[in-house]
Amino acid sequence: MNDIAHNLAQVRDKISAAAAACGRASEEVTLLAVSKTKPASAIAEAIDAGQRAFGENYVQEGVEKIRHFRETGAADLQWHFIGPLQSNKSRLVAEHFDWCHTVDRLRIATRLSEQRPEGMAPLNVLIQINISDENSKSGIALSELEALAEAVAALPGLTLRGLMAIPAPETDYDRQFAVARQMAVAFGTLKAGYPTVDTLSLGMTDDMDAAIAAGSTMVRIGTAIFGARDYPQK
């Protein structure tokens, strides 16, 4: 077993254990492998180990990988855009990705809807919540969610699937859980109002257990699968 396959197996075991600890089935939690900065060869190893959902933070890099794997015939992969989205890159996301986790304003949602090619299924989108109210983070306040969700759900090129958040780093489990529960309550309210809503993208390597206990349905794991990220030297 190669390192990536071994790492994936370990992460899946941790997800199963976290789910079991709070009385949930492991099937309720999707593992999104965050492959930003990683080469296609590393993603291919993950695919060989059964992984199908991948998250990319950089538009152009992600598009190149999507094109590469489509050309190799890997048609059953899911590609999620999970980085901040600038208006001038929205067309590439609309034309190539299956999901966008970082919708935080109606203008970008409208562009994504208008730019989604005819013949493709609507783009699955999550509204990003700035749950820790950090100036450095994208996302809206929970108080703005109702209005934005209503507007996004009406756009024909999109399907509103739920919420995403990147909480401020926190080492204490109880505090991690408290923040995650805020997201889970908002998710429950949204789910009650929109039949397409089924996804709460919440939890990374360091807060995955608390996120799953609170009700996350998708965790975003990168380093624990692929190793340290290879950022280009400035």
C-alpha atoms as a PDB file:
ATOM      1  CA  MET A   1       0.000   0.000   0.000  1.00  0.00           C
ATOM      2  CA  ASN A   2       1.447   3.375  -0.974  1.00  0.00           C
ATOM      3  CA  ASP A   3       1.587   6.333   1.399  1.00  0.00           C
ATOM      4  CA  ILE A   4      -1.487   8.094  -0.005  1.00  0.00           C
ATOM      5  CA  ALA A   5      -3.570   4.910   0.054  1.00  0.00           C
ATOM      6  CA  HIS A   6      -2.394   4.274   3.631  1.00  0.00           C
ATOM      7  CA  ASN A   7      -3.213   7.854   4.649  1.00  0.00           C
ATOM      8  CA  LEU A   8      -6.665   7.654   3.054  1.00  0.00           C
ATOM      9  CA  ALA A   9      -7.403   4.446   4.933  1.00  0.00           C
ATOM     10  CA  GLN A  10      -6.371   6.090   8.199  1.00  0.00           C
ATOM     11  CA  VAL A  11      -8.524   9.172   7.547  1.00  0.00           C
ATOM     12  CA  ARG A  12     -11.516   7.011   6.666  1.00  0.00           C
ATOM     13  CA  ASP A  13     -11.021   5.049   9.882  1.00  0.00           C
ATOM     14  CA  LYS A  14     -10.966   8.306  11.853  1.00  0.00           C
ATOM     15  CA  ILE A  15     -14.179   9.473  10.175  1.00  0.00           C
ATOM     16  CA  SER A  16     -15.837   6.153  10.997  1.00  0.00           C
ATOM     17  CA  ALA A  17     -14.696   6.350  14.616  1.00  0.00           C
ATOM     18  CA  ALA A  18     -15.867   9.956  14.997  1.00  0.00           C
ATOM     19  CA  ALA A  19     -19.242   9.096  13.487  1.00  0.00           C
ATOM     20  CA  ALA A  20     -19.669   6.012  15.653  1.00  0.00           C
ATOM     21  CA  ALA A  21     -18.801   8.005  18.784  1.00  0.00           C
ATOM     22  CA  CYS A  22     -21.823  10.248  18.245  1.00  0.00           C
ATOM     23  CA  GLY A  23     -24.197   7.587  16.955  1.00  0.00           C
ATOM     24  CA  ARG A  24     -23.929   8.426  13.254  1.00  0.00           C
ATOM     25  CA  ALA A  25     -23.190   6.182  10.291  1.00  0.00           C
ATOM     26  CA  SER A  26     -19.875   6.820   8.552  1.00  0.00           C
ATOM     27  CA  GLU A  27     -21.771   6.932   5.243  1.00  0.00           C
ATOM     28  CA  GLU A  28     -23.337  10.206   6.386  1.00  0.00           C
ATOM     29  CA  VAL A  29     -19.957  11.956   6.110  1.00  0.00           C
ATOM     30  CA  THR A  30     -18.313  12.521   2.720  1.00  0.00           C
ATOM     31  CA  LEU A  31     -14.531  12.785   2.595  1.00  0.00           C
ATOM     32  CA  LEU A  32     -13.374  15.616   0.333  1.00  0.00           C
ATOM     33  CA  ALA A  33      -9.669  15.196  -0.455  1.00  0.00           C
ATOM     34  CA  VAL A  34      -8.098  18.663  -0.715  1.00  0.00           C
ATOM     35  CA  SER A  35      -5.565  18.307  -3.501  1.00  0.00           C
ATOM     36  CA  LYS A  36      -4.432  21.907  -3.989  1.00  0.00           C
ATOM     37  CA  THR A  37      -0.737  22.248  -4.955  1.00  0.00           C
ATOM     38  CA  LYS A  38      -0.507  18.470  -5.422  1.00  0.00           C
ATOM     39  CA  PRO A  39       0.429  16.928  -8.785  1.00  0.00           C
ATOM     40  CA  ALA A  40      -1.884  14.802 -10.890  1.00  0.00           C
ATOM     41  CA  SER A  41       0.214  11.763  -9.970  1.00  0.00           C
ATOM     42  CA  ALA A  42      -0.742  12.146  -6.294  1.00  0.00           C
ATOM     43  CA  ILE A  43      -4.416  12.487  -7.190  1.00  0.00           C
ATOM     44  CA  ALA A  44      -4.129   9.378  -9.378  1.00  0.00           C
ATOM     45  CA  GLU A  45      -2.843   7.440  -6.363  1.00  0.00           C
ATOM     46  CA  ALA A  46      -5.863   8.608  -4.359  1.00  0.00           C
ATOM     47  CA  ILE A  47      -8.185   7.599  -7.203  1.00  0.00           C
ATOM     48  CA  ASP A  48      -6.599   4.150  -7.257  1.00  0.00           C
ATOM     49  CA  ALA A  49      -7.355   3.941  -3.525  1.00  0.00           C
ATOM     50  CA  GLY A  50     -11.037   4.648  -4.156  1.00  0.00           C
ATOM     51  CA  GLN A  51     -11.243   8.409  -3.591  1.00  0.00           C
ATOM     52  CA  ARG A  52     -13.597  10.242  -5.966  1.00  0.00           C
ATOM     53  CA  ALA A  53     -14.240  13.736  -4.529  1.00  0.00           C
ATOM     54  CA  PHE A  54     -11.455  16.331  -4.722  1.00  0.00           C
ATOM     55  CA  GLY A  55     -11.257  19.954  -3.559  1.00  0.00           C
ATOM     56  CA  GLU A  56      -9.194  22.650  -5.260  1.00  0.00           C
ATOM     57  CA  ASN A  57      -8.480  26.189  -4.020  1.00  0.00           C
ATOM     58  CA  TYR A  58      -6.927  27.709  -7.133  1.00  0.00           C
ATOM     59  CA  VAL A  59      -9.082  27.987 -10.242  1.00  0.00           C
ATOM     60  CA  GLN A  60      -6.520  27.552 -13.004  1.00  0.00           C
ATOM     61  CA  GLU A  61      -4.690  24.717 -11.241  1.00  0.00           C
ATOM     62  CA  GLY A  62      -7.979  22.955 -10.629  1.00  0.00           C
ATOM     63  CA  VAL A  63      -9.125  23.326 -14.239  1.00  0.00           C
ATOM     64  CA  GLU A  64      -5.860  21.835 -15.506  1.00  0.00           C
ATOM     65  CA  LYS A  65      -6.339  18.794 -13.267  1.00  0.00           C
ATOM     66  CA  ILE A  66      -9.984  18.391 -14.274  1.00  0.00           C
ATOM     67  CA  ARG A  67      -9.015  18.471 -17.951  1.00  0.00           C
ATOM     68  CA  HIS A  68      -6.180  16.006 -17.354  1.00  0.00           C
ATOM     69  CA  PHE A  69      -8.378  13.403 -15.689  1.00  0.00           C
ATOM     70  CA  ARG A  70     -11.205  13.817 -18.172  1.00  0.00           C
ATOM     71  CA  GLU A  71      -8.703  13.118 -20.938  1.00  0.00           C
ATOM     72  CA  THR A  72      -7.585   9.958 -19.134  1.00  0.00           C
ATOM     73  CA  GLY A  73     -11.179   8.752 -18.990  1.00  0.00           C
ATOM     74  CA  ALA A  74     -11.768   9.199 -15.236  1.00  0.00           C
ATOM     75  CA  ALA A  75     -15.352  10.350 -15.677  1.00  0.00           C
ATOM     76  CA  ASP A  76     -16.792   9.549 -12.252  1.00  0.00           C
ATOM     77  CA  LEU A  77     -14.800  12.135 -10.259  1.00  0.00           C
ATOM     78  CA  GLN A  78     -16.350  15.082  -8.424  1.00  0.00           C
ATOM     79  CA  TRP A  79     -14.490  18.387  -8.425  1.00  0.00           C
ATOM     80  CA  HIS A  80     -15.210  20.953  -5.728  1.00  0.00           C
ATOM     81  CA  PHE A  81     -13.959  24.541  -5.818  1.00  0.00           C
ATOM     82  CA  ILE A  82     -13.268  25.523  -2.205  1.00  0.00           C
ATOM     83  CA  GLY A  83     -11.191  28.704  -2.496  1.00  0.00           C
ATOM     84  CA  PRO A  84     -12.138  32.392  -2.578  1.00  0.00           C
ATOM     85  CA  LEU A  85     -13.705  33.151  -5.945  1.00  0.00           C
ATOM     86  CA  GLN A  86     -13.004  36.344  -7.849  1.00  0.00           C
ATOM     87  CA  SER A  87     -15.507  37.533 -10.442  1.00  0.00           C
ATOM     88  CA  ASN A  88     -13.003  37.249 -13.275  1.00  0.00           C
ATOM     89  CA  LYS A  89     -12.543  33.528 -12.552  1.00  0.00           C
ATOM     90  CA  SER A  90     -16.205  32.620 -12.180  1.00  0.00           C
ATOM     91  CA  ARG A  91     -16.603  31.405 -15.780  1.00  0.00           C
ATOM     92  CA  LEU A  92     -13.875  28.781 -15.362  1.00  0.00           C
ATOM     93  CA  VAL A  93     -15.565  27.468 -12.206  1.00  0.00           C
ATOM     94  CA  ALA A  94     -18.970  27.452 -13.890  1.00  0.00           C
ATOM     95  CA  GLU A  95     -17.667  25.602 -16.928  1.00  0.00           C
ATOM     96  CA  HIS A  96     -15.535  22.945 -15.241  1.00  0.00           C
ATOM     97  CA  PHE A  97     -16.349  22.266 -11.583  1.00  0.00           C
ATOM     98  CA  ASP A  98     -19.220  20.238 -10.142  1.00  0.00           C
ATOM     99  CA  TRP A  99     -19.428  22.180  -6.866  1.00  0.00           C
ATOM    100  CA  CYS A 100     -18.546  25.621  -5.528  1.00  0.00           C
ATOM    101  CA  HIS A 101     -18.325  25.917  -1.728  1.00  0.00           C
ATOM    102  CA  THR A 102     -17.581  29.622  -1.475  1.00  0.00           C
ATOM    103  CA  VAL A 103     -20.627  31.575  -2.636  1.00  0.00           C
ATOM    104  CA  ASP A 104     -20.882  34.623  -0.386  1.00  0.00           C
ATOM    105  CA  ARG A 105     -22.598  37.265  -2.517  1.00  0.00           C
ATOM    106  CA  LEU A 106     -25.435  37.348  -4.987  1.00  0.00           C
ATOM    107  CA  ARG A 107     -23.305  38.916  -7.716  1.00  0.00           C
ATOM    108  CA  ILE A 108     -20.960  35.932  -7.895  1.00  0.00           C
ATOM    109  CA  ALA A 109     -23.863  33.476  -7.682  1.00  0.00           C
ATOM    110  CA  THR A 110     -25.608  35.208 -10.580  1.00  0.00           C
ATOM    111  CA  ARG A 111     -22.454  35.064 -12.692  1.00  0.00           C
ATOM    112  CA  LEU A 112     -22.000  31.360 -11.954  1.00  0.00           C
ATOM    113  CA  SER A 113     -25.605  30.668 -12.917  1.00  0.00           C
ATOM    114  CA  GLU A 114     -25.418  32.653 -16.154  1.00  0.00           C
ATOM    115  CA  GLN A 115     -22.058  31.104 -17.106  1.00  0.00           C
ATOM    116  CA  ARG A 116     -23.015  27.476 -16.423  1.00  0.00           C
ATOM    117  CA  PRO A 117     -23.069  25.865 -19.891  1.00  0.00           C
ATOM    118  CA  GLU A 118     -26.329  24.525 -21.276  1.00  0.00           C
ATOM    119  CA  GLY A 119     -26.294  20.762 -21.218  1.00  0.00           C
ATOM    120  CA  MET A 120     -24.417  20.590 -17.923  1.00  0.00           C
ATOM    121  CA  ALA A 121     -26.233  19.833 -14.694  1.00  0.00           C
ATOM    122  CA  PRO A 122     -26.714  22.916 -12.494  1.00  0.00           C
ATOM    123  CA  LEU A 123     -23.632  23.814 -10.433  1.00  0.00           C
ATOM    124  CA  ASN A 124     -23.973  22.603  -6.849  1.00  0.00           C
ATOM    125  CA  VAL A 125     -23.271  25.512  -4.513  1.00  0.00           C
ATOM    126  CA  LEU A 126     -22.744  26.084  -0.819  1.00  0.00           C
ATOM    127  CA  ILE A 127     -23.088  29.446   0.888  1.00  0.00           C
ATOM    128  CA  GLN A 128     -19.985  30.277   2.896  1.00  0.00           C
ATOM    129  CA  ILE A 129     -20.570  31.510   6.440  1.00  0.00           C
ATOM    130  CA  ASN A 130     -17.920  33.519   8.284  1.00  0.00           C
ATOM    131  CA  ILE A 131     -18.866  31.804  11.523  1.00  0.00           C
ATOM    132  CA  SER A 132     -15.951  33.201  13.557  1.00  0.00           C
ATOM    133  CA  ASP A 133     -16.410  36.747  12.231  1.00  0.00           C
ATOM    134  CA  GLU A 134     -12.808  36.985  11.042  1.00  0.00           C
ATOM    135  CA  ASN A 135     -11.863  39.963   8.900  1.00  0.00           C
ATOM    136  CA  SER A 136      -9.439  37.800   6.933  1.00  0.00           C
ATOM    137  CA  LYS A 137     -12.064  35.227   5.966  1.00  0.00           C
ATOM    138  CA  SER A 138     -14.651  35.265   3.209  1.00  0.00           C
ATOM    139  CA  GLY A 139     -18.273  34.489   3.954  1.00  0.00           C
ATOM    140  CA  ILE A 140     -21.408  36.158   5.219  1.00  0.00           C
ATOM    141  CA  ALA A 141     -22.800  36.562   8.707  1.00  0.00           C
ATOM    142  CA  LEU A 142     -25.532  34.139   9.746  1.00  0.00           C
ATOM    143  CA  SER A 143     -27.929  37.088   9.860  1.00  0.00           C
ATOM    144  CA  GLU A 144     -27.540  37.482   6.088  1.00  0.00           C
ATOM    145  CA  LEU A 145     -28.169  33.836   5.234  1.00  0.00           C
ATOM    146  CA  GLU A 146     -31.927  33.847   4.773  1.00  0.00           C
ATOM    147  CA  ALA A 147     -31.919  36.558   2.122  1.00  0.00           C
ATOM    148  CA  LEU A 148     -28.953  35.205   0.181  1.00  0.00           C
ATOM    149  CA  ALA A 149     -30.256  31.623   0.258  1.00  0.00           C
ATOM    150  CA  GLU A 150     -33.608  32.713  -1.166  1.00  0.00           C
ATOM    151  CA  ALA A 151     -31.915  34.574  -4.010  1.00  0.00           C
ATOM    152  CA  VAL A 152     -29.419  31.790  -4.792  1.00  0.00           C
ATOM    153  CA  ALA A 153     -32.088  29.081  -4.762  1.00  0.00           C
ATOM    154  CA  ALA A 154     -33.983  30.972  -7.487  1.00  0.00           C
ATOM    155  CA  LEU A 155     -31.065  30.960  -9.949  1.00  0.00           C
ATOM    156  CA  PRO A 156     -31.615  28.397 -12.732  1.00  0.00           C
ATOM    157  CA  GLY A 157     -27.976  27.425 -13.278  1.00  0.00           C
ATOM    158  CA  LEU A 158     -27.365  26.563  -9.630  1.00  0.00           C
ATOM    159  CA  THR A 159     -28.583  24.046  -7.082  1.00  0.00           C
ATOM    160  CA  LEU A 160     -28.360  25.234  -3.467  1.00  0.00           C
ATOM    161  CA  ARG A 161     -26.949  22.287  -1.508  1.00  0.00           C
ATOM    162  CA  GLY A 162     -26.087  23.847   1.854  1.00  0.00           C
ATOM    163  CA  LEU A 163     -23.432  25.649   3.854  1.00  0.00           C
ATOM    164  CA  MET A 164     -19.660  25.782   4.278  1.00  0.00           C
ATOM    165  CA  ALA A 165     -17.481  27.377   6.945  1.00  0.00           C
ATOM    166  CA  ILE A 166     -13.834  27.640   7.946  1.00  0.00           C
ATOM    167  CA  PRO A 167     -13.915  28.340  11.711  1.00  0.00           C
ATOM    168  CA  ALA A 168     -11.025  30.128  13.377  1.00  0.00           C
ATOM    169  CA  PRO A 169      -8.334  27.672  14.551  1.00  0.00           C
ATOM    170  CA  GLU A 170      -9.172  26.361  18.004  1.00  0.00           C
ATOM    171  CA  THR A 171      -7.507  23.552  19.954  1.00  0.00           C
ATOM    172  CA  ASP A 172     -10.167  23.075  22.641  1.00  0.00           C
ATOM    173  CA  TYR A 173     -12.743  20.451  21.618  1.00  0.00           C
ATOM    174  CA  ASP A 174     -15.647  22.048  23.487  1.00  0.00           C
ATOM    175  CA  ARG A 175     -15.073  25.376  21.759  1.00  0.00           C
ATOM    176  CA  GLN A 176     -14.716  23.637  18.390  1.00  0.00           C
ATOM    177  CA  PHE A 177     -18.010  21.865  19.017  1.00  0.00           C
ATOM    178  CA  ALA A 178     -19.814  25.039  20.093  1.00  0.00           C
ATOM    179  CA  VAL A 179     -18.913  26.780  16.827  1.00  0.00           C
ATOM    180  CA  ALA A 180     -19.775  23.692  14.788  1.00  0.00           C
ATOM    181  CA  ARG A 181     -23.177  23.485  16.479  1.00  0.00           C
ATOM    182  CA  GLN A 182     -23.936  27.053  15.425  1.00  0.00           C
ATOM    183  CA  MET A 183     -23.347  25.967  11.848  1.00  0.00           C
ATOM    184  CA  ALA A 184     -25.389  22.807  12.300  1.00  0.00           C
ATOM    185  CA  VAL A 185     -28.385  24.738  13.648  1.00  0.00           C
ATOM    186  CA  ALA A 186     -28.245  27.129  10.684  1.00  0.00           C
ATOM    187  CA  PHE A 187     -27.937  24.149   8.348  1.00  0.00           C
ATOM    188  CA  GLY A 188     -30.983  22.499   9.912  1.00  0.00           C
ATOM    189  CA  THR A 189     -33.042  25.648   9.445  1.00  0.00           C
ATOM    190  CA  LEU A 190     -31.932  25.984   5.818  1.00  0.00           C
ATOM    191  CA  LYS A 191     -32.624  22.304   5.136  1.00  0.00           C
ATOM    192  CA  ALA A 192     -36.173  22.697   6.419  1.00  0.00           C
ATOM    193  CA  GLY A 193     -36.830  25.435   3.869  1.00  0.00           C
ATOM    194  CA  TYR A 194     -35.150  24.014   0.765  1.00  0.00           C
ATOM    195  CA  PRO A 195     -35.536  20.392  -0.393  1.00  0.00           C
ATOM    196  CA  THR A 196     -32.194  20.412  -2.262  1.00  0.00           C
ATOM    197  CA  VAL A 197     -30.166  21.261   0.867  1.00  0.00           C
ATOM    198  CA  ASP A 198     -28.266  18.250   2.200  1.00  0.00           C
ATOM    199  CA  THR A 199     -24.638  19.304   2.724  1.00  0.00           C
ATOM    200  CA  LEU A 200     -22.779  20.926   5.605  1.00  0.00           C
ATOM    201  CA  SER A 201     -19.116  21.273   4.584  1.00  0.00           C
ATOM    202  CA  LEU A 202     -17.385  21.696   7.914  1.00  0.00           C
ATOM    203  CA  GLY A 203     -14.308  20.233   9.542  1.00  0.00           C
ATOM    204  CA  MET A 204     -10.667  19.786   8.625  1.00  0.00           C
ATOM    205  CA  THR A 205      -7.896  17.655  10.092  1.00  0.00           C
ATOM    206  CA  ASP A 206      -7.715  19.424  13.469  1.00  0.00           C
ATOM    207  CA  ASP A 207     -11.439  19.873  14.162  1.00  0.00           C
ATOM    208  CA  MET A 208     -12.971  16.970  12.256  1.00  0.00           C
ATOM    209  CA  ASP A 209     -14.198  15.071  15.327  1.00  0.00           C
ATOM    210  CA  ALA A 210     -16.106  18.057  16.704  1.00  0.00           C
ATOM    211  CA  ALA A 211     -17.542  18.909  13.284  1.00  0.00           C
ATOM    212  CA  ILE A 212     -18.833  15.357  12.774  1.00  0.00           C
ATOM    213  CA  ALA A 213     -20.284  15.260  16.291  1.00  0.00           C
ATOM    214  CA  ALA A 214     -22.119  18.514  15.568  1.00  0.00           C
ATOM    215  CA  GLY A 215     -23.579  17.258  12.288  1.00  0.00           C
ATOM    216  CA  SER A 216     -21.145  17.926   9.438  1.00  0.00           C
ATOM    217  CA  THR A 217     -21.849  15.896   6.291  1.00  0.00           C
ATOM    218  CA  MET A 218     -18.568  16.687   4.490  1.00  0.00           C
ATOM    219  CA  VAL A 219     -15.046  17.100   5.862  1.00  0.00           C
ATOM    220  CA  ARG A 220     -12.197  18.663   3.890  1.00  0.00           C
ATOM    221  CA  ILE A 221      -8.888  16.867   4.476  1.00  0.00           C
ATOM    222  CA  GLY A 222      -5.635  17.667   2.674  1.00  0.00           C
ATOM    223  CA  THR A 223      -2.353  17.341   4.542  1.00  0.00           C
ATOM    224  CA  ALA A 224      -3.360  14.140   6.356  1.00  0.00           C
ATOM    225  CA  ILE A 225      -3.857  12.506   2.944  1.00  0.00           C
ATOM    226  CA  PHE A 226      -1.265  14.087   0.666  1.00  0.00           C
ATOM    227  CA  GLY A 227       1.356  15.370   3.114  1.00  0.00           C
ATOM    228  CA  ALA A 228       2.596  18.948   3.494  1.00  0.00           C
ATOM    229  CA  ARG A 229       1.537  21.291   0.716  1.00  0.00           C
ATOM    230  CA  ASP A 230       4.001  22.333  -1.946  1.00  0.00           C
ATOM    231  CA  TYR A 231       3.543  26.077  -2.150  1.00  0.00           C
ATOM    232  CA  PRO A 232       5.618  27.767  -4.883  1.00  0.00           C
ATOM    233  CA  GLN A 233       8.522  29.884  -3.700  1.00  0.00           C
ATOM    234  CA  LYS A 234       7.848  33.607  -3.962  1.00  0.00           C
END
